[in-house]
N, C-alpha and C. Protein backbone atom coordinates (compact mmCIF):
# COMPACT_ATOMS: atom_id res chain seq x y z
N MET A 1 5.21 14.09 22.58
CA MET A 1 6.14 13.90 21.49
C MET A 1 7.54 13.77 22.06
N SER A 2 8.23 12.71 21.67
CA SER A 2 9.59 12.51 22.15
C SER A 2 10.59 13.21 21.23
N TYR A 3 11.73 13.55 21.78
CA TYR A 3 12.77 14.22 21.00
C TYR A 3 14.02 13.37 21.00
N PRO A 4 14.80 13.28 19.94
CA PRO A 4 14.51 14.02 18.72
C PRO A 4 13.31 13.41 18.00
N TYR A 5 12.40 14.27 17.60
CA TYR A 5 11.16 13.86 16.94
C TYR A 5 11.44 13.39 15.53
N ARG A 6 11.07 12.14 15.24
CA ARG A 6 11.21 11.56 13.90
C ARG A 6 9.82 11.22 13.40
N PRO A 7 9.20 12.11 12.65
CA PRO A 7 7.84 11.83 12.16
C PRO A 7 7.82 10.62 11.23
N SER A 8 6.73 9.89 11.27
CA SER A 8 6.54 8.77 10.35
C SER A 8 5.66 9.25 9.19
N PHE A 9 6.08 8.91 7.98
CA PHE A 9 5.37 9.33 6.78
C PHE A 9 4.86 8.13 6.01
N ALA A 10 3.60 8.20 5.58
CA ALA A 10 3.05 7.24 4.64
C ALA A 10 2.90 7.97 3.32
N ILE A 11 3.43 7.39 2.28
CA ILE A 11 3.29 7.94 0.94
C ILE A 11 2.40 6.98 0.18
N ILE A 12 1.22 7.47 -0.20
CA ILE A 12 0.22 6.65 -0.85
C ILE A 12 0.19 6.99 -2.34
N ILE A 13 0.40 5.97 -3.16
CA ILE A 13 0.39 6.15 -4.62
C ILE A 13 -0.70 5.26 -5.21
N PRO A 14 -1.79 5.87 -5.70
CA PRO A 14 -2.78 5.08 -6.42
C PRO A 14 -2.33 4.88 -7.87
N THR A 15 -2.57 3.71 -8.41
CA THR A 15 -2.15 3.43 -9.78
C THR A 15 -3.25 2.74 -10.57
N PHE A 16 -3.21 2.96 -11.85
CA PHE A 16 -3.99 2.18 -12.81
C PHE A 16 -3.35 2.39 -14.18
N ASN A 17 -2.71 1.36 -14.68
CA ASN A 17 -2.02 1.42 -15.97
C ASN A 17 -1.06 2.60 -16.04
N CYS A 18 -0.14 2.64 -15.09
CA CYS A 18 0.82 3.75 -14.96
C CYS A 18 2.26 3.32 -15.24
N ALA A 19 2.45 2.31 -16.04
CA ALA A 19 3.79 1.77 -16.25
C ALA A 19 4.77 2.80 -16.79
N GLY A 20 4.30 3.77 -17.54
CA GLY A 20 5.19 4.75 -18.13
C GLY A 20 5.85 5.69 -17.14
N SER A 21 5.28 5.84 -15.96
CA SER A 21 5.82 6.81 -15.00
C SER A 21 6.05 6.26 -13.61
N LEU A 22 5.51 5.11 -13.30
CA LEU A 22 5.53 4.60 -11.93
C LEU A 22 6.93 4.36 -11.39
N GLU A 23 7.83 3.86 -12.19
CA GLU A 23 9.19 3.58 -11.72
C GLU A 23 9.86 4.85 -11.21
N SER A 24 9.71 5.95 -11.93
CA SER A 24 10.30 7.23 -11.49
C SER A 24 9.69 7.70 -10.18
N ALA A 25 8.38 7.52 -10.04
CA ALA A 25 7.71 7.93 -8.81
C ALA A 25 8.25 7.14 -7.61
N ILE A 26 8.30 5.82 -7.75
CA ILE A 26 8.78 4.98 -6.66
C ILE A 26 10.25 5.29 -6.35
N THR A 27 11.05 5.43 -7.39
CA THR A 27 12.47 5.72 -7.19
C THR A 27 12.66 7.03 -6.43
N SER A 28 11.82 8.02 -6.71
CA SER A 28 11.96 9.30 -6.00
C SER A 28 11.66 9.17 -4.51
N VAL A 29 10.83 8.22 -4.15
CA VAL A 29 10.56 7.95 -2.74
C VAL A 29 11.72 7.16 -2.12
N VAL A 30 12.14 6.13 -2.82
CA VAL A 30 13.21 5.26 -2.32
C VAL A 30 14.51 6.05 -2.12
N ASN A 31 14.76 7.04 -2.95
CA ASN A 31 16.01 7.80 -2.89
C ASN A 31 15.97 8.98 -1.92
N GLN A 32 14.93 9.12 -1.13
CA GLN A 32 14.89 10.19 -0.14
C GLN A 32 16.00 9.99 0.89
N ASP A 33 16.54 11.08 1.39
CA ASP A 33 17.62 11.00 2.38
C ASP A 33 17.09 10.83 3.80
N TYR A 34 15.81 10.71 3.96
CA TYR A 34 15.18 10.62 5.27
C TYR A 34 15.40 9.25 5.89
N SER A 35 15.87 9.20 7.13
CA SER A 35 16.15 7.92 7.78
C SER A 35 15.08 7.54 8.80
N GLY A 36 14.05 8.36 8.93
CA GLY A 36 12.95 8.03 9.83
C GLY A 36 12.00 7.03 9.16
N PRO A 37 10.91 6.70 9.85
CA PRO A 37 9.98 5.71 9.32
C PRO A 37 9.20 6.21 8.10
N ILE A 38 9.23 5.41 7.03
CA ILE A 38 8.50 5.69 5.80
C ILE A 38 7.72 4.44 5.42
N GLU A 39 6.45 4.63 5.12
CA GLU A 39 5.64 3.57 4.53
C GLU A 39 5.36 3.98 3.08
N LEU A 40 5.64 3.12 2.16
CA LEU A 40 5.25 3.34 0.77
C LEU A 40 4.10 2.39 0.49
N ILE A 41 2.94 2.98 0.26
CA ILE A 41 1.72 2.20 0.06
C ILE A 41 1.23 2.45 -1.36
N VAL A 42 1.09 1.38 -2.12
CA VAL A 42 0.61 1.48 -3.49
C VAL A 42 -0.74 0.78 -3.59
N ILE A 43 -1.70 1.49 -4.16
CA ILE A 43 -3.04 0.94 -4.37
C ILE A 43 -3.25 0.85 -5.88
N ASP A 44 -3.24 -0.36 -6.40
CA ASP A 44 -3.37 -0.56 -7.84
C ASP A 44 -4.77 -1.07 -8.18
N GLY A 45 -5.41 -0.41 -9.12
CA GLY A 45 -6.77 -0.77 -9.53
C GLY A 45 -6.81 -1.86 -10.59
N LEU A 46 -6.00 -2.91 -10.44
CA LEU A 46 -5.93 -4.04 -11.36
C LEU A 46 -5.44 -3.62 -12.75
N SER A 47 -4.28 -3.02 -12.78
CA SER A 47 -3.68 -2.58 -14.04
C SER A 47 -3.48 -3.75 -14.99
N THR A 48 -3.60 -3.46 -16.29
CA THR A 48 -3.42 -4.48 -17.32
C THR A 48 -2.19 -4.22 -18.17
N ASP A 49 -1.43 -3.18 -17.86
CA ASP A 49 -0.18 -2.91 -18.58
C ASP A 49 0.97 -3.52 -17.79
N HIS A 50 2.15 -2.93 -17.82
CA HIS A 50 3.32 -3.46 -17.11
C HIS A 50 3.42 -2.97 -15.66
N THR A 51 2.41 -2.27 -15.18
CA THR A 51 2.43 -1.79 -13.79
C THR A 51 2.68 -2.92 -12.80
N PRO A 52 1.99 -4.07 -12.88
CA PRO A 52 2.24 -5.15 -11.91
C PRO A 52 3.70 -5.62 -11.90
N SER A 53 4.36 -5.67 -13.05
CA SER A 53 5.76 -6.12 -13.06
C SER A 53 6.67 -5.08 -12.41
N ILE A 54 6.36 -3.81 -12.56
CA ILE A 54 7.13 -2.76 -11.89
C ILE A 54 6.94 -2.86 -10.38
N LEU A 55 5.71 -3.06 -9.96
CA LEU A 55 5.44 -3.21 -8.52
C LEU A 55 6.17 -4.43 -7.97
N ASN A 56 6.21 -5.50 -8.72
CA ASN A 56 6.93 -6.69 -8.28
C ASN A 56 8.43 -6.42 -8.16
N ARG A 57 8.98 -5.66 -9.09
CA ARG A 57 10.41 -5.34 -9.05
C ARG A 57 10.78 -4.51 -7.82
N PHE A 58 9.84 -3.68 -7.35
CA PHE A 58 10.09 -2.81 -6.20
C PHE A 58 9.45 -3.34 -4.92
N LYS A 59 9.06 -4.61 -4.90
CA LYS A 59 8.31 -5.12 -3.74
C LYS A 59 9.07 -4.99 -2.42
N SER A 60 10.39 -5.02 -2.46
CA SER A 60 11.15 -4.87 -1.20
C SER A 60 11.11 -3.43 -0.68
N ASN A 61 10.74 -2.48 -1.53
CA ASN A 61 10.64 -1.07 -1.12
C ASN A 61 9.22 -0.65 -0.78
N ILE A 62 8.26 -1.47 -1.14
CA ILE A 62 6.85 -1.14 -0.94
C ILE A 62 6.38 -1.80 0.35
N THR A 63 5.89 -0.97 1.27
CA THR A 63 5.42 -1.48 2.55
C THR A 63 4.15 -2.30 2.39
N ARG A 64 3.24 -1.77 1.59
CA ARG A 64 1.96 -2.44 1.38
C ARG A 64 1.51 -2.18 -0.04
N CYS A 65 1.14 -3.22 -0.75
CA CYS A 65 0.61 -3.09 -2.10
C CYS A 65 -0.75 -3.79 -2.13
N ILE A 66 -1.76 -3.03 -2.46
CA ILE A 66 -3.11 -3.57 -2.57
C ILE A 66 -3.49 -3.52 -4.04
N SER A 67 -3.79 -4.67 -4.61
CA SER A 67 -4.17 -4.73 -6.02
C SER A 67 -5.57 -5.33 -6.10
N GLU A 68 -6.53 -4.45 -6.35
CA GLU A 68 -7.93 -4.87 -6.45
C GLU A 68 -8.70 -3.76 -7.13
N SER A 69 -9.88 -4.08 -7.62
CA SER A 69 -10.68 -3.05 -8.27
C SER A 69 -11.08 -2.00 -7.24
N ASP A 70 -11.26 -0.79 -7.73
CA ASP A 70 -11.70 0.28 -6.85
C ASP A 70 -12.64 1.20 -7.60
N GLU A 71 -13.14 2.18 -6.89
CA GLU A 71 -14.11 3.13 -7.45
C GLU A 71 -13.44 4.44 -7.88
N GLY A 72 -12.14 4.42 -8.08
CA GLY A 72 -11.42 5.62 -8.51
C GLY A 72 -10.41 6.08 -7.48
N ILE A 73 -9.81 7.23 -7.75
CA ILE A 73 -8.68 7.71 -6.95
C ILE A 73 -9.04 7.93 -5.49
N TYR A 74 -10.22 8.47 -5.20
CA TYR A 74 -10.57 8.74 -3.81
C TYR A 74 -10.77 7.44 -3.03
N ASP A 75 -11.33 6.44 -3.68
CA ASP A 75 -11.47 5.14 -3.06
C ASP A 75 -10.08 4.55 -2.78
N ALA A 76 -9.17 4.69 -3.75
CA ALA A 76 -7.79 4.20 -3.56
C ALA A 76 -7.12 4.95 -2.41
N TRP A 77 -7.27 6.25 -2.35
CA TRP A 77 -6.69 7.04 -1.24
C TRP A 77 -7.20 6.52 0.10
N ASN A 78 -8.51 6.31 0.19
CA ASN A 78 -9.08 5.83 1.45
C ASN A 78 -8.55 4.46 1.83
N LYS A 79 -8.34 3.59 0.86
CA LYS A 79 -7.73 2.28 1.14
C LYS A 79 -6.32 2.48 1.68
N GLY A 80 -5.60 3.41 1.10
CA GLY A 80 -4.24 3.70 1.57
C GLY A 80 -4.22 4.24 2.98
N ILE A 81 -5.15 5.12 3.28
CA ILE A 81 -5.24 5.67 4.64
C ILE A 81 -5.50 4.55 5.64
N ARG A 82 -6.43 3.67 5.32
CA ARG A 82 -6.74 2.55 6.22
C ARG A 82 -5.54 1.62 6.39
N ALA A 83 -4.72 1.49 5.37
CA ALA A 83 -3.55 0.60 5.44
C ALA A 83 -2.38 1.23 6.19
N SER A 84 -2.41 2.55 6.36
CA SER A 84 -1.28 3.26 6.95
C SER A 84 -1.27 3.18 8.47
N LYS A 85 -0.05 3.21 9.01
CA LYS A 85 0.15 3.28 10.45
C LYS A 85 0.93 4.54 10.82
N SER A 86 1.17 5.41 9.84
CA SER A 86 2.01 6.60 10.05
C SER A 86 1.23 7.78 10.59
N GLU A 87 1.99 8.73 11.15
CA GLU A 87 1.40 9.98 11.65
C GLU A 87 1.00 10.91 10.51
N TRP A 88 1.82 10.96 9.49
CA TRP A 88 1.64 11.90 8.39
C TRP A 88 1.42 11.14 7.10
N ILE A 89 0.45 11.61 6.30
CA ILE A 89 0.10 10.95 5.06
C ILE A 89 0.32 11.91 3.91
N MET A 90 0.96 11.39 2.87
CA MET A 90 1.19 12.17 1.65
C MET A 90 0.58 11.39 0.49
N PHE A 91 -0.23 12.08 -0.31
CA PHE A 91 -0.77 11.48 -1.52
C PHE A 91 0.11 11.90 -2.68
N MET A 92 0.48 10.93 -3.49
CA MET A 92 1.38 11.20 -4.60
C MET A 92 0.84 10.51 -5.84
N GLY A 93 0.79 11.22 -6.95
CA GLY A 93 0.38 10.61 -8.20
C GLY A 93 1.46 9.70 -8.73
N ALA A 94 1.07 8.69 -9.50
CA ALA A 94 2.03 7.76 -10.08
C ALA A 94 2.89 8.42 -11.14
N ASP A 95 2.52 9.62 -11.57
CA ASP A 95 3.33 10.36 -12.53
C ASP A 95 4.04 11.54 -11.87
N ASP A 96 4.10 11.54 -10.54
CA ASP A 96 4.79 12.59 -9.78
C ASP A 96 6.10 12.05 -9.23
N CYS A 97 6.97 12.96 -8.83
CA CYS A 97 8.22 12.59 -8.17
C CYS A 97 8.45 13.52 -7.00
N LEU A 98 8.98 12.98 -5.92
CA LEU A 98 9.39 13.82 -4.80
C LEU A 98 10.74 14.44 -5.12
N MET A 99 10.89 15.70 -4.80
CA MET A 99 12.19 16.33 -4.98
C MET A 99 13.14 15.81 -3.91
N GLU A 100 14.44 15.93 -4.16
CA GLU A 100 15.43 15.51 -3.18
C GLU A 100 15.16 16.20 -1.85
N ASN A 101 15.40 15.51 -0.77
CA ASN A 101 15.30 16.05 0.59
C ASN A 101 13.89 16.46 1.01
N THR A 102 12.88 16.04 0.29
CA THR A 102 11.51 16.43 0.64
C THR A 102 11.15 16.02 2.06
N LEU A 103 11.35 14.75 2.40
CA LEU A 103 10.93 14.27 3.71
C LEU A 103 11.78 14.85 4.83
N SER A 104 13.06 15.03 4.61
CA SER A 104 13.89 15.64 5.66
C SER A 104 13.53 17.11 5.85
N THR A 105 13.09 17.78 4.78
CA THR A 105 12.62 19.16 4.90
C THR A 105 11.34 19.22 5.73
N TYR A 106 10.42 18.29 5.45
CA TYR A 106 9.20 18.20 6.27
C TYR A 106 9.55 17.92 7.73
N GLU A 107 10.48 17.01 7.94
CA GLU A 107 10.88 16.68 9.31
C GLU A 107 11.34 17.93 10.06
N LYS A 108 12.22 18.71 9.46
CA LYS A 108 12.72 19.93 10.11
C LYS A 108 11.58 20.90 10.41
N PHE A 109 10.66 21.03 9.46
CA PHE A 109 9.51 21.92 9.66
C PHE A 109 8.66 21.43 10.84
N LEU A 110 8.38 20.14 10.88
CA LEU A 110 7.55 19.58 11.94
C LEU A 110 8.25 19.65 13.30
N GLN A 111 9.55 19.45 13.32
CA GLN A 111 10.30 19.56 14.58
C GLN A 111 10.19 20.97 15.15
N GLY A 112 10.24 21.97 14.29
CA GLY A 112 10.16 23.36 14.73
C GLY A 112 8.77 23.78 15.16
N ALA A 113 7.76 23.01 14.78
CA ALA A 113 6.38 23.36 15.10
C ALA A 113 5.96 22.89 16.48
N ASN A 114 6.77 22.07 17.13
CA ASN A 114 6.48 21.58 18.49
C ASN A 114 5.10 20.97 18.64
N GLY A 115 4.66 20.23 17.62
CA GLY A 115 3.38 19.52 17.73
C GLY A 115 2.16 20.37 17.48
N ASN A 116 2.32 21.59 17.02
CA ASN A 116 1.19 22.48 16.81
C ASN A 116 0.67 22.48 15.37
N ILE A 117 1.00 21.49 14.59
CA ILE A 117 0.61 21.41 13.19
C ILE A 117 -0.28 20.18 12.98
N GLU A 118 -1.36 20.36 12.24
CA GLU A 118 -2.23 19.24 11.91
C GLU A 118 -2.24 18.94 10.41
N TYR A 119 -1.88 19.92 9.60
CA TYR A 119 -1.94 19.77 8.15
C TYR A 119 -0.78 20.53 7.53
N VAL A 120 -0.14 19.93 6.55
CA VAL A 120 0.97 20.57 5.85
C VAL A 120 0.72 20.43 4.36
N SER A 121 0.90 21.50 3.64
CA SER A 121 0.81 21.49 2.19
C SER A 121 2.08 22.08 1.62
N ALA A 122 2.41 21.73 0.40
CA ALA A 122 3.65 22.21 -0.18
C ALA A 122 3.43 22.71 -1.60
N ASN A 123 4.39 23.44 -2.08
CA ASN A 123 4.36 23.89 -3.47
C ASN A 123 4.61 22.73 -4.40
N VAL A 124 4.17 22.89 -5.62
CA VAL A 124 4.37 21.88 -6.65
C VAL A 124 5.21 22.53 -7.75
N LEU A 125 6.20 21.82 -8.22
CA LEU A 125 7.03 22.28 -9.31
C LEU A 125 6.62 21.50 -10.55
N LEU A 126 6.08 22.21 -11.54
CA LEU A 126 5.66 21.57 -12.78
C LEU A 126 6.83 21.58 -13.75
N LYS A 127 7.09 20.42 -14.34
CA LYS A 127 8.20 20.31 -15.30
C LYS A 127 7.65 19.76 -16.60
N ASP A 128 8.20 20.21 -17.68
CA ASP A 128 7.85 19.69 -18.99
C ASP A 128 8.44 18.28 -19.11
N ALA A 129 7.67 17.37 -19.63
CA ALA A 129 8.12 15.98 -19.73
C ALA A 129 9.25 15.78 -20.73
N SER A 130 9.48 16.73 -21.60
CA SER A 130 10.50 16.53 -22.64
C SER A 130 11.90 16.74 -22.13
């Protein structure tokens, strides 16, 4: 591991008819303060709502977008893993948002671990949609 260590993160978002929340999810990734390598990978199961137009609007921020039928969320996750080139993979729901500084917080944690970490999990903050 070279220093300063800048971990690469793949954020995989599976979607299917998620137009109501997808823009917020993508924006929360795009607005991260992390300057290291980030892949945003979206796996869409052939949505029939406005999801494709949202994905098109954010195409410059999306590293890889795969739009094809799938066998559900786990199949979509596996497609995302295969598409990723990053060291670290994060699965994110299309109705989830990353909190500010999430990736830079992970970076600091991983830097302090000196390569002795294989899996990282984090707390989830549930918020009322209203």
